[in-house]
Amino acid sequence: AGLYSGPLDCVRQIVRDEGPRGLYRGSWITLLRDSPTMGL
């Protein structure tokens, strides 16, 4: 009996509980990792 019924429900709960920024937690770390990594 999972908390989420599907991907859209997961998105809905994240946005409801944490706001849209909840979907982008860790963005700066990911940017610092992926930008030079893709260059290499």
Full PDB file with SEQRES, HELIX, SHEET, SSBOND, CRYST1, ORIGX, SCALE, CONECT and MASTER records, all heavy atoms in Angstrom:
SEQRES   1 A   40  ALA GLY LEU TYR SER GLY PRO LEU ASP CYS VAL ARG GLN          
SEQRES   2 A   40  ILE VAL ARG ASP GLU GLY PRO ARG GLY LEU TYR ARG GLY          
SEQRES   3 A   40  SER TRP ILE THR LEU LEU ARG ASP SER PRO THR MET GLY          
SEQRES   4 A   40  LEU                                                          
HELIX    1 AA1 PRO A    7  GLU A   18  1                                  12    
HELIX    2 AA2 PRO A   20  TYR A   24  5                                   5    
HELIX    3 AA3 SER A   27  GLY A   39  1                                  13    
CRYST1    1.000    1.000    1.000  90.00  90.00  90.00 P 1           1          
ORIGX1      1.000000  0.000000  0.000000        0.00000                         
ORIGX2      0.000000  1.000000  0.000000        0.00000                         
ORIGX3      0.000000  0.000000  1.000000        0.00000                         
SCALE1      1.000000  0.000000  0.000000        0.00000                         
SCALE2      0.000000  1.000000  0.000000        0.00000                         
SCALE3      0.000000  0.000000  1.000000        0.00000                         
ATOM      1  N   ALA A   1       0.860  -1.189   0.000  1.00  0.00           N  
ATOM      2  CA  ALA A   1       0.000   0.000   0.000  1.00  0.00           C  
ATOM      3  C   ALA A   1       0.894   1.236   0.000  1.00  0.00           C  
ATOM      4  O   ALA A   1       1.177   1.826   1.043  1.00  0.00           O  
ATOM      5  CB  ALA A   1      -0.919   0.002   1.211  1.00  0.00           C  
ATOM      6  N   GLY A   2       1.357   1.631  -1.168  1.00  0.00           N  
ATOM      7  CA  GLY A   2       2.259   2.765  -1.265  1.00  0.00           C  
ATOM      8  C   GLY A   2       1.557   4.090  -1.038  1.00  0.00           C  
ATOM      9  O   GLY A   2       0.330   4.196  -1.089  1.00  0.00           O  
ATOM     10  N   LEU A   3       2.347   5.107  -0.784  1.00  0.00           N  
ATOM     11  CA  LEU A   3       1.817   6.440  -0.563  1.00  0.00           C  
ATOM     12  C   LEU A   3       1.300   7.066  -1.853  1.00  0.00           C  
ATOM     13  O   LEU A   3       0.339   7.825  -1.855  1.00  0.00           O  
ATOM     14  CB  LEU A   3       2.909   7.330   0.050  1.00  0.00           C  
ATOM     15  CG  LEU A   3       2.553   8.791   0.321  1.00  0.00           C  
ATOM     16  CD1 LEU A   3       1.444   8.886   1.372  1.00  0.00           C  
ATOM     17  CD2 LEU A   3       3.793   9.564   0.793  1.00  0.00           C  
ATOM     18  N   TYR A   4       1.941   6.708  -2.980  1.00  0.00           N  
ATOM     19  CA  TYR A   4       1.595   7.316  -4.260  1.00  0.00           C  
ATOM     20  C   TYR A   4       0.869   6.314  -5.151  1.00  0.00           C  
ATOM     21  O   TYR A   4       1.284   5.167  -5.275  1.00  0.00           O  
ATOM     22  CB  TYR A   4       2.851   7.810  -4.975  1.00  0.00           C  
ATOM     23  CG  TYR A   4       3.754   8.666  -4.109  1.00  0.00           C  
ATOM     24  CD1 TYR A   4       5.032   8.234  -3.748  1.00  0.00           C  
ATOM     25  CD2 TYR A   4       3.326   9.912  -3.652  1.00  0.00           C  
ATOM     26  CE1 TYR A   4       5.862   9.009  -2.961  1.00  0.00           C  
ATOM     27  CE2 TYR A   4       4.149  10.697  -2.857  1.00  0.00           C  
ATOM     28  CZ  TYR A   4       5.414  10.240  -2.521  1.00  0.00           C  
ATOM     29  OH  TYR A   4       6.228  11.013  -1.727  1.00  0.00           O  
ATOM     30  N   SER A   5      -0.195   6.774  -5.781  1.00  0.00           N  
ATOM     31  CA  SER A   5      -0.934   5.896  -6.692  1.00  0.00           C  
ATOM     32  C   SER A   5      -0.333   5.882  -8.093  1.00  0.00           C  
ATOM     33  O   SER A   5      -0.650   5.000  -8.892  1.00  0.00           O  
ATOM     34  CB  SER A   5      -2.398   6.347  -6.770  1.00  0.00           C  
ATOM     35  OG  SER A   5      -2.491   7.673  -7.279  1.00  0.00           O  
ATOM     36  N   GLY A   6       0.530   6.836  -8.391  1.00  0.00           N  
ATOM     37  CA  GLY A   6       1.162   6.903  -9.697  1.00  0.00           C  
ATOM     38  C   GLY A   6       2.046   8.131  -9.784  1.00  0.00           C  
ATOM     39  O   GLY A   6       2.121   8.928  -8.837  1.00  0.00           O  
ATOM     40  N   PRO A   7       2.740   8.300 -10.912  1.00  0.00           N  
ATOM     41  CA  PRO A   7       3.641   9.438 -11.066  1.00  0.00           C  
ATOM     42  C   PRO A   7       2.958  10.794 -10.888  1.00  0.00           C  
ATOM     43  O   PRO A   7       3.504  11.683 -10.225  1.00  0.00           O  
ATOM     44  CB  PRO A   7       4.177   9.274 -12.497  1.00  0.00           C  
ATOM     45  CG  PRO A   7       4.020   7.834 -12.802  1.00  0.00           C  
ATOM     46  CD  PRO A   7       2.785   7.394 -12.085  1.00  0.00           C  
ATOM     47  N   LEU A   8       1.775  10.955 -11.486  1.00  0.00           N  
ATOM     48  CA  LEU A   8       1.085  12.240 -11.377  1.00  0.00           C  
ATOM     49  C   LEU A   8       0.668  12.525  -9.939  1.00  0.00           C  
ATOM     50  O   LEU A   8       0.725  13.672  -9.485  1.00  0.00           O  
ATOM     51  CB  LEU A   8      -0.129  12.263 -12.305  1.00  0.00           C  
ATOM     52  CG  LEU A   8       0.176  12.258 -13.805  1.00  0.00           C  
ATOM     53  CD1 LEU A   8      -1.113  12.287 -14.620  1.00  0.00           C  
ATOM     54  CD2 LEU A   8       1.070  13.435 -14.189  1.00  0.00           C  
ATOM     55  N   ASP A   9       0.261  11.469  -9.229  1.00  0.00           N  
ATOM     56  CA  ASP A   9      -0.103  11.651  -7.828  1.00  0.00           C  
ATOM     57  C   ASP A   9       1.119  12.020  -6.999  1.00  0.00           C  
ATOM     58  O   ASP A   9       1.025  12.820  -6.065  1.00  0.00           O  
ATOM     59  CB  ASP A   9      -0.727  10.366  -7.278  1.00  0.00           C  
ATOM     60  CG  ASP A   9      -1.153  10.508  -5.825  1.00  0.00           C  
ATOM     61  OD1 ASP A   9      -1.937  11.428  -5.527  1.00  0.00           O  
ATOM     62  OD2 ASP A   9      -0.699   9.701  -4.989  1.00  0.00           O  
ATOM     63  N   CYS A  10       2.267  11.443  -7.349  1.00  0.00           N  
ATOM     64  CA  CYS A  10       3.509  11.778  -6.655  1.00  0.00           C  
ATOM     65  C   CYS A  10       3.845  13.253  -6.859  1.00  0.00           C  
ATOM     66  O   CYS A  10       4.201  13.959  -5.908  1.00  0.00           O  
ATOM     67  CB  CYS A  10       4.642  10.885  -7.154  1.00  0.00           C  
ATOM     68  SG  CYS A  10       6.229  11.160  -6.344  1.00  0.00           S  
ATOM     69  N   VAL A  11       3.723  13.711  -8.103  1.00  0.00           N  
ATOM     70  CA  VAL A  11       3.984  15.123  -8.390  1.00  0.00           C  
ATOM     71  C   VAL A  11       3.018  16.005  -7.617  1.00  0.00           C  
ATOM     72  O   VAL A  11       3.423  17.017  -7.025  1.00  0.00           O  
ATOM     73  CB  VAL A  11       3.855  15.395  -9.909  1.00  0.00           C  
ATOM     74  CG1 VAL A  11       3.907  16.895 -10.187  1.00  0.00           C  
ATOM     75  CG2 VAL A  11       4.947  14.669 -10.675  1.00  0.00           C  
ATOM     76  N   ARG A  12       1.753  15.613  -7.613  1.00  0.00           N  
ATOM     77  CA  ARG A  12       0.740  16.418  -6.922  1.00  0.00           C  
ATOM     78  C   ARG A  12       1.043  16.554  -5.436  1.00  0.00           C  
ATOM     79  O   ARG A  12       0.943  17.645  -4.863  1.00  0.00           O  
ATOM     80  CB  ARG A  12      -0.632  15.761  -7.116  1.00  0.00           C  
ATOM     81  CG  ARG A  12      -1.785  16.532  -6.494  1.00  0.00           C  
ATOM     82  CD  ARG A  12      -3.099  15.788  -6.662  1.00  0.00           C  
ATOM     83  NE  ARG A  12      -3.075  14.495  -5.987  1.00  0.00           N  
ATOM     84  CZ  ARG A  12      -3.276  14.348  -4.669  1.00  0.00           C  
ATOM     85  NH1 ARG A  12      -3.518  15.406  -3.898  1.00  0.00           N  
ATOM     86  NH2 ARG A  12      -3.243  13.155  -4.118  1.00  0.00           N  
ATOM     87  N   GLN A  13       1.430  15.451  -4.802  1.00  0.00           N  
ATOM     88  CA  GLN A  13       1.708  15.492  -3.368  1.00  0.00           C  
ATOM     89  C   GLN A  13       2.964  16.302  -3.053  1.00  0.00           C  
ATOM     90  O   GLN A  13       3.023  17.013  -2.046  1.00  0.00           O  
ATOM     91  CB  GLN A  13       1.839  14.068  -2.831  1.00  0.00           C  
ATOM     92  CG  GLN A  13       0.538  13.282  -2.839  1.00  0.00           C  
ATOM     93  CD  GLN A  13       0.617  12.042  -1.990  1.00  0.00           C  
ATOM     94  OE1 GLN A  13       1.112  12.066  -0.861  1.00  0.00           O  
ATOM     95  NE2 GLN A  13       0.125  10.917  -2.512  1.00  0.00           N  
ATOM     96  N   ILE A  14       3.985  16.186  -3.924  1.00  0.00           N  
ATOM     97  CA  ILE A  14       5.202  16.969  -3.702  1.00  0.00           C  
ATOM     98  C   ILE A  14       4.903  18.460  -3.798  1.00  0.00           C  
ATOM     99  O   ILE A  14       5.328  19.259  -2.950  1.00  0.00           O  
ATOM    100  CB  ILE A  14       6.296  16.571  -4.711  1.00  0.00           C  
ATOM    101  CG1 ILE A  14       6.782  15.150  -4.450  1.00  0.00           C  
ATOM    102  CG2 ILE A  14       7.477  17.547  -4.627  1.00  0.00           C  
ATOM    103  CD1 ILE A  14       7.756  14.632  -5.490  1.00  0.00           C  
ATOM    104  N   VAL A  15       4.159  18.841  -4.834  1.00  0.00           N  
ATOM    105  CA  VAL A  15       3.820  20.256  -5.026  1.00  0.00           C  
ATOM    106  C   VAL A  15       2.939  20.749  -3.893  1.00  0.00           C  
ATOM    107  O   VAL A  15       3.095  21.874  -3.404  1.00  0.00           O  
ATOM    108  CB  VAL A  15       3.130  20.463  -6.385  1.00  0.00           C  
ATOM    109  CG1 VAL A  15       2.620  21.895  -6.525  1.00  0.00           C  
ATOM    110  CG2 VAL A  15       4.100  20.147  -7.515  1.00  0.00           C  
ATOM    111  N   ARG A  16       1.994  19.904  -3.434  1.00  0.00           N  
ATOM    112  CA  ARG A  16       1.100  20.291  -2.346  1.00  0.00           C  
ATOM    113  C   ARG A  16       1.866  20.493  -1.045  1.00  0.00           C  
ATOM    114  O   ARG A  16       1.629  21.457  -0.300  1.00  0.00           O  
ATOM    115  CB  ARG A  16       0.032  19.212  -2.153  1.00  0.00           C  
ATOM    116  CG  ARG A  16      -1.008  19.534  -1.072  1.00  0.00           C  
ATOM    117  CD  ARG A  16      -1.799  18.289  -0.720  1.00  0.00           C  
ATOM    118  NE  ARG A  16      -0.917  17.261  -0.135  1.00  0.00           N  
ATOM    119  CZ  ARG A  16      -1.245  15.974  -0.045  1.00  0.00           C  
ATOM    120  NH1 ARG A  16      -2.396  15.538  -0.535  1.00  0.00           N  
ATOM    121  NH2 ARG A  16      -0.406  15.120   0.522  1.00  0.00           N  
ATOM    122  N   ASP A  17       2.777  19.575  -0.735  1.00  0.00           N  
ATOM    123  CA  ASP A  17       3.471  19.614   0.556  1.00  0.00           C  
ATOM    124  C   ASP A  17       4.705  20.505   0.561  1.00  0.00           C  
ATOM    125  O   ASP A  17       5.055  21.075   1.595  1.00  0.00           O  
ATOM    126  CB  ASP A  17       3.893  18.191   0.964  1.00  0.00           C  
ATOM    127  CG  ASP A  17       2.702  17.263   1.148  1.00  0.00           C  
ATOM    128  OD1 ASP A  17       1.582  17.776   1.381  1.00  0.00           O  
ATOM    129  OD2 ASP A  17       2.884  16.034   1.037  1.00  0.00           O  
ATOM    130  N   GLU A  18       5.382  20.624  -0.593  1.00  0.00           N  
ATOM    131  CA  GLU A  18       6.649  21.345  -0.622  1.00  0.00           C  
ATOM    132  C   GLU A  18       6.672  22.498  -1.609  1.00  0.00           C  
ATOM    133  O   GLU A  18       7.652  23.245  -1.654  1.00  0.00           O  
ATOM    134  CB  GLU A  18       7.794  20.369  -0.969  1.00  0.00           C  
ATOM    135  CG  GLU A  18       7.845  19.146  -0.063  1.00  0.00           C  
ATOM    136  CD  GLU A  18       8.846  18.117  -0.549  1.00  0.00           C  
ATOM    137  OE1 GLU A  18       9.912  18.538  -1.069  1.00  0.00           O  
ATOM    138  OE2 GLU A  18       8.578  16.910  -0.420  1.00  0.00           O  
ATOM    139  N   GLY A  19       5.618  22.611  -2.407  1.00  0.00           N  
ATOM    140  CA  GLY A  19       5.607  23.634  -3.435  1.00  0.00           C  
ATOM    141  C   GLY A  19       6.371  23.169  -4.668  1.00  0.00           C  
ATOM    142  O   GLY A  19       7.039  22.136  -4.642  1.00  0.00           O  
ATOM    143  N   PRO A  20       6.298  23.920  -5.780  1.00  0.00           N  
ATOM    144  CA  PRO A  20       7.010  23.532  -7.004  1.00  0.00           C  
ATOM    145  C   PRO A  20       8.507  23.358  -6.799  1.00  0.00           C  
ATOM    146  O   PRO A  20       9.155  22.571  -7.481  1.00  0.00           O  
ATOM    147  CB  PRO A  20       6.713  24.698  -7.966  1.00  0.00           C  
ATOM    148  CG  PRO A  20       5.427  25.275  -7.471  1.00  0.00           C  
ATOM    149  CD  PRO A  20       5.471  25.130  -5.983  1.00  0.00           C  
ATOM    150  N   ARG A  21       9.075  24.091  -5.840  1.00  0.00           N  
ATOM    151  CA  ARG A  21      10.507  23.970  -5.594  1.00  0.00           C  
ATOM    152  C   ARG A  21      10.890  22.580  -5.096  1.00  0.00           C  
ATOM    153  O   ARG A  21      12.043  22.167  -5.217  1.00  0.00           O  
ATOM    154  CB  ARG A  21      10.948  25.009  -4.565  1.00  0.00           C  
ATOM    155  CG  ARG A  21      10.933  26.438  -5.083  1.00  0.00           C  
ATOM    156  CD  ARG A  21      11.519  27.404  -4.059  1.00  0.00           C  
ATOM    157  NE  ARG A  21      11.547  28.768  -4.569  1.00  0.00           N  
ATOM    158  CZ  ARG A  21      12.047  29.792  -3.887  1.00  0.00           C  
ATOM    159  NH1 ARG A  21      12.550  29.598  -2.673  1.00  0.00           N  
ATOM    160  NH2 ARG A  21      12.034  31.004  -4.413  1.00  0.00           N  
ATOM    161  N   GLY A  22       9.903  21.861  -4.542  1.00  0.00           N  
ATOM    162  CA  GLY A  22      10.189  20.515  -4.069  1.00  0.00           C  
ATOM    163  C   GLY A  22      10.622  19.587  -5.190  1.00  0.00           C  
ATOM    164  O   GLY A  22      11.344  18.614  -4.953  1.00  0.00           O  
ATOM    165  N   LEU A  23      10.169  19.877  -6.409  1.00  0.00           N  
ATOM    166  CA  LEU A  23      10.552  19.055  -7.559  1.00  0.00           C  
ATOM    167  C   LEU A  23      11.975  19.352  -8.026  1.00  0.00           C  
ATOM    168  O   LEU A  23      12.545  18.588  -8.797  1.00  0.00           O  
ATOM    169  CB  LEU A  23       9.586  19.289  -8.719  1.00  0.00           C  
ATOM    170  CG  LEU A  23       8.148  18.813  -8.510  1.00  0.00           C  
ATOM    171  CD1 LEU A  23       7.257  19.330  -9.638  1.00  0.00           C  
ATOM    172  CD2 LEU A  23       8.093  17.290  -8.448  1.00  0.00           C  
ATOM    173  N   TYR A  24      12.518  20.479  -7.571  1.00  0.00           N  
ATOM    174  CA  TYR A  24      13.842  20.899  -8.033  1.00  0.00           C  
ATOM    175  C   TYR A  24      14.871  20.949  -6.908  1.00  0.00           C  
ATOM    176  O   TYR A  24      15.862  21.666  -7.012  1.00  0.00           O  
ATOM    177  CB  TYR A  24      13.748  22.264  -8.723  1.00  0.00           C  
ATOM    178  CG  TYR A  24      13.225  22.168 -10.129  1.00  0.00           C  
ATOM    179  CD1 TYR A  24      11.870  22.294 -10.399  1.00  0.00           C  
ATOM    180  CD2 TYR A  24      14.089  21.925 -11.203  1.00  0.00           C  
ATOM    181  CE1 TYR A  24      11.380  22.197 -11.695  1.00  0.00           C  
ATOM    182  CE2 TYR A  24      13.612  21.821 -12.491  1.00  0.00           C  
ATOM    183  CZ  TYR A  24      12.258  21.958 -12.731  1.00  0.00           C  
ATOM    184  OH  TYR A  24      11.777  21.841 -14.016  1.00  0.00           O  
ATOM    185  N   ARG A  25      14.646  20.169  -5.871  1.00  0.00           N  
ATOM    186  CA  ARG A  25      15.648  20.085  -4.810  1.00  0.00           C  
ATOM    187  C   ARG A  25      16.935  19.479  -5.378  1.00  0.00           C  
ATOM    188  O   ARG A  25      16.899  18.471  -6.062  1.00  0.00           O  
ATOM    189  CB  ARG A  25      15.135  19.231  -3.652  1.00  0.00           C  
ATOM    190  CG  ARG A  25      14.023  19.885  -2.854  1.00  0.00           C  
ATOM    191  CD  ARG A  25      13.674  19.059  -1.619  1.00  0.00           C  
ATOM    192  NE  ARG A  25      12.582  19.656  -0.878  1.00  0.00           N  
ATOM    193  CZ  ARG A  25      12.729  20.637   0.005  1.00  0.00           C  
ATOM    194  NH1 ARG A  25      13.936  21.114   0.251  1.00  0.00           N  
ATOM    195  NH2 ARG A  25      11.671  21.125   0.645  1.00  0.00           N  
ATOM    196  N   GLY A  26      18.058  20.080  -5.050  1.00  0.00           N  
ATOM    197  CA  GLY A  26      19.336  19.570  -5.535  1.00  0.00           C  
ATOM    198  C   GLY A  26      19.697  20.005  -6.942  1.00  0.00           C  
ATOM    199  O   GLY A  26      20.620  19.457  -7.545  1.00  0.00           O  
ATOM    200  N   SER A  27      18.971  20.999  -7.487  1.00  0.00           N  
ATOM    201  CA  SER A  27      19.214  21.411  -8.873  1.00  0.00           C  
ATOM    202  C   SER A  27      20.618  21.953  -9.085  1.00  0.00           C  
ATOM    203  O   SER A  27      21.275  21.639 -10.083  1.00  0.00           O  
ATOM    204  CB  SER A  27      18.197  22.476  -9.298  1.00  0.00           C  
ATOM    205  OG  SER A  27      16.903  21.943  -9.340  1.00  0.00           O  
ATOM    206  N   TRP A  28      21.090  22.783  -8.140  1.00  0.00           N  
ATOM    207  CA  TRP A  28      22.408  23.402  -8.321  1.00  0.00           C  
ATOM    208  C   TRP A  28      23.513  22.355  -8.285  1.00  0.00           C  
ATOM    209  O   TRP A  28      24.465  22.422  -9.067  1.00  0.00           O  
ATOM    210  CB  TRP A  28      22.643  24.475  -7.260  1.00  0.00           C  
ATOM    211  CG  TRP A  28      21.884  25.731  -7.525  1.00  0.00           C  
ATOM    212  CD1 TRP A  28      20.809  26.208  -6.830  1.00  0.00           C  
ATOM    213  CD2 TRP A  28      22.122  26.682  -8.573  1.00  0.00           C  
ATOM    214  NE1 TRP A  28      20.355  27.387  -7.379  1.00  0.00           N  
ATOM    215  CE2 TRP A  28      21.147  27.695  -8.453  1.00  0.00           C  
ATOM    216  CE3 TRP A  28      23.059  26.756  -9.607  1.00  0.00           C  
ATOM    217  CZ2 TRP A  28      21.095  28.779  -9.328  1.00  0.00           C  
ATOM    218  CZ3 TRP A  28      23.008  27.841 -10.477  1.00  0.00           C  
ATOM    219  CH2 TRP A  28      22.037  28.831 -10.334  1.00  0.00           C  
ATOM    220  N   ILE A  29      23.369  21.373  -7.392  1.00  0.00           N  
ATOM    221  CA  ILE A  29      24.366  20.303  -7.335  1.00  0.00           C  
ATOM    222  C   ILE A  29      24.353  19.503  -8.640  1.00  0.00           C  
ATOM    223  O   ILE A  29      25.406  19.149  -9.183  1.00  0.00           O  
ATOM    224  CB  ILE A  29      24.088  19.370  -6.143  1.00  0.00           C  
ATOM    225  CG1 ILE A  29      24.242  20.140  -4.828  1.00  0.00           C  
ATOM    226  CG2 ILE A  29      25.021  18.169  -6.163  1.00  0.00           C  
ATOM    227  CD1 ILE A  29      25.634  20.676  -4.582  1.00  0.00           C  
ATOM    228  N   THR A  30      23.142  19.236  -9.138  1.00  0.00           N  
ATOM    229  CA  THR A  30      23.021  18.503 -10.397  1.00  0.00           C  
ATOM    230  C   THR A  30      23.617  19.298 -11.549  1.00  0.00           C  
ATOM    231  O   THR A  30      24.285  18.732 -12.431  1.00  0.00           O  
ATOM    232  CB  THR A  30      21.543  18.196 -10.696  1.00  0.00           C  
ATOM    233  OG1 THR A  30      20.968  17.516  -9.573  1.00  0.00           O  
ATOM    234  CG2 THR A  30      21.405  17.317 -11.925  1.00  0.00           C  
ATOM    235  N   LEU A  31      23.410  20.612 -11.552  1.00  0.00           N  
ATOM    236  CA  LEU A  31      23.967  21.459 -12.603  1.00  0.00           C  
ATOM    237  C   LEU A  31      25.497  21.448 -12.559  1.00  0.00           C  
ATOM    238  O   LEU A  31      26.159  21.303 -13.593  1.00  0.00           O  
ATOM    239  CB  LEU A  31      23.454  22.893 -12.454  1.00  0.00           C  
ATOM    240  CG  LEU A  31      23.996  23.916 -13.456  1.00  0.00           C  
ATOM    241  CD1 LEU A  31      23.567  23.553 -14.870  1.00  0.00           C  
ATOM    242  CD2 LEU A  31      23.534  25.316 -13.093  1.00  0.00           C  
ATOM    243  N   LEU A  32      26.053  21.579 -11.352  1.00  0.00           N  
ATOM    244  CA  LEU A  32      27.507  21.572 -11.203  1.00  0.00           C  
ATOM    245  C   LEU A  32      28.100  20.217 -11.580  1.00  0.00           C  
ATOM    246  O   LEU A  32      29.243  20.139 -12.031  1.00  0.00           O  
ATOM    247  CB  LEU A  32      27.884  21.919  -9.754  1.00  0.00           C  
ATOM    248  CG  LEU A  32      27.588  23.363  -9.314  1.00  0.00           C  
ATOM    249  CD1 LEU A  32      27.872  23.528  -7.826  1.00  0.00           C  
ATOM    250  CD2 LEU A  32      28.427  24.353 -10.129  1.00  0.00           C  
ATOM    251  N   ARG A  33      27.311  19.166 -11.413  1.00  0.00           N  
ATOM    252  CA  ARG A  33      27.778  17.832 -11.793  1.00  0.00           C  
ATOM    253  C   ARG A  33      27.641  17.592 -13.287  1.00  0.00           C  
ATOM    254  O   ARG A  33      28.577  17.128 -13.945  1.00  0.00           O  
ATOM    255  CB  ARG A  33      26.975  16.766 -11.035  1.00  0.00           C  
ATOM    256  CG  ARG A  33      27.366  15.337 -11.361  1.00  0.00           C  
ATOM    257  CD  ARG A  33      26.289  14.363 -10.899  1.00  0.00           C  
ATOM    258  NE  ARG A  33      25.076  14.473 -11.702  1.00  0.00           N  
ATOM    259  CZ  ARG A  33      23.960  13.790 -11.445  1.00  0.00           C  
ATOM    260  NH1 ARG A  33      23.890  12.983 -10.407  1.00  0.00           N  
ATOM    261  NH2 ARG A  33      22.898  13.941 -12.219  1.00  0.00           N  
ATOM    262  N   ASP A  34      26.466  17.899 -13.846  1.00  0.00           N  
ATOM    263  CA  ASP A  34      26.155  17.475 -15.210  1.00  0.00           C  
ATOM    264  C   ASP A  34      26.752  18.359 -16.294  1.00  0.00           C  
ATOM    265  O   ASP A  34      27.074  17.861 -17.376  1.00  0.00           O  
ATOM    266  CB  ASP A  34      24.634  17.404 -15.401  1.00  0.00           C  
ATOM    267  CG  ASP A  34      24.031  16.179 -14.759  1.00  0.00           C  
ATOM    268  OD1 ASP A  34      24.772  15.456 -14.078  1.00  0.00           O  
ATOM    269  OD2 ASP A  34      22.830  15.948 -14.927  1.00  0.00           O  
ATOM    270  N   SER A  35      26.883  19.651 -16.034  1.00  0.00           N  
ATOM    271  CA  SER A  35      27.389  20.530 -17.086  1.00  0.00           C  
ATOM    272  C   SER A  35      28.825  20.180 -17.489  1.00  0.00           C  
ATOM    273  O   SER A  35      29.080  19.877 -18.662  1.00  0.00           O  
ATOM    274  CB  SER A  35      27.283  21.994 -16.648  1.00  0.00           C  
ATOM    275  OG  SER A  35      27.700  22.853 -17.689  1.00  0.00           O  
ATOM    276  N   PRO A  36      29.783  20.158 -16.551  1.00  0.00           N  
ATOM    277  CA  PRO A  36      31.141  19.759 -16.969  1.00  0.00           C  
ATOM    278  C   PRO A  36      31.242  18.288 -17.352  1.00  0.00           C  
ATOM    279  O   PRO A  36      32.060  17.924 -18.200  1.00  0.00           O  
ATOM    280  CB  PRO A  36      31.997  20.071 -15.730  1.00  0.00           C  
ATOM    281  CG  PRO A  36      31.057  20.059 -14.587  1.00  0.00           C  
ATOM    282  CD  PRO A  36      29.754  20.564 -15.133  1.00  0.00           C  
ATOM    283  N   THR A  37      30.393  17.450 -16.733  1.00  0.00           N  
ATOM    284  CA  THR A  37      30.419  16.031 -17.086  1.00  0.00           C  
ATOM    285  C   THR A  37      30.032  15.823 -18.539  1.00  0.00           C  
ATOM    286  O   THR A  37      30.654  15.026 -19.252  1.00  0.00           O  
ATOM    287  CB  THR A  37      29.461  15.238 -16.181  1.00  0.00           C  
ATOM    288  OG1 THR A  37      29.902  15.341 -14.823  1.00  0.00           O  
ATOM    289  CG2 THR A  37      29.421  13.766 -16.565  1.00  0.00           C  
ATOM    290  N   MET A  38      29.011  16.534 -19.006  1.00  0.00           N  
ATOM    291  CA  MET A  38      28.607  16.415 -20.405  1.00  0.00           C  
ATOM    292  C   MET A  38      29.658  17.017 -21.336  1.00  0.00           C  
ATOM    293  O   MET A  38      29.828  16.563 -22.469  1.00  0.00           O  
ATOM    294  CB  MET A  38      27.254  17.097 -20.631  1.00  0.00           C  
ATOM    295  CG  MET A  38      26.067  16.339 -20.077  1.00  0.00           C  
ATOM    296  SD  MET A  38      25.843  14.709 -20.852  1.00  0.00           S  
ATOM    297  CE  MET A  38      26.501  13.638 -19.578  1.00  0.00           C  
ATOM    298  N   GLY A  39      30.372  18.043 -20.858  1.00  0.00           N  
ATOM    299  CA  GLY A  39      31.473  18.579 -21.651  1.00  0.00           C  
ATOM    300  C   GLY A  39      32.534  17.524 -21.879  1.00  0.00           C  
ATOM    301  O   GLY A  39      33.015  17.329 -23.005  1.00  0.00           O  
ATOM    302  N   LEU A  40      32.891  16.793 -20.835  1.00  0.00           N  
ATOM    303  CA  LEU A  40      33.872  15.711 -20.956  1.00  0.00           C  
ATOM    304  C   LEU A  40      33.308  14.549 -21.767  1.00  0.00           C  
ATOM    305  O   LEU A  40      34.031  13.902 -22.535  1.00  0.00           O  
ATOM    306  CB  LEU A  40      34.293  15.228 -19.562  1.00  0.00           C  
ATOM    307  CG  LEU A  40      35.115  16.205 -18.732  1.00  0.00           C  
ATOM    308  CD1 LEU A  40      35.317  15.665 -17.314  1.00  0.00           C  
ATOM    309  CD2 LEU A  40      36.470  16.466 -19.400  1.00  0.00           C  
TER     310      LEU A  40                                                      
MASTER        0    0    0    3    0    0    0    6  309    1    0    4          
END                                                                             
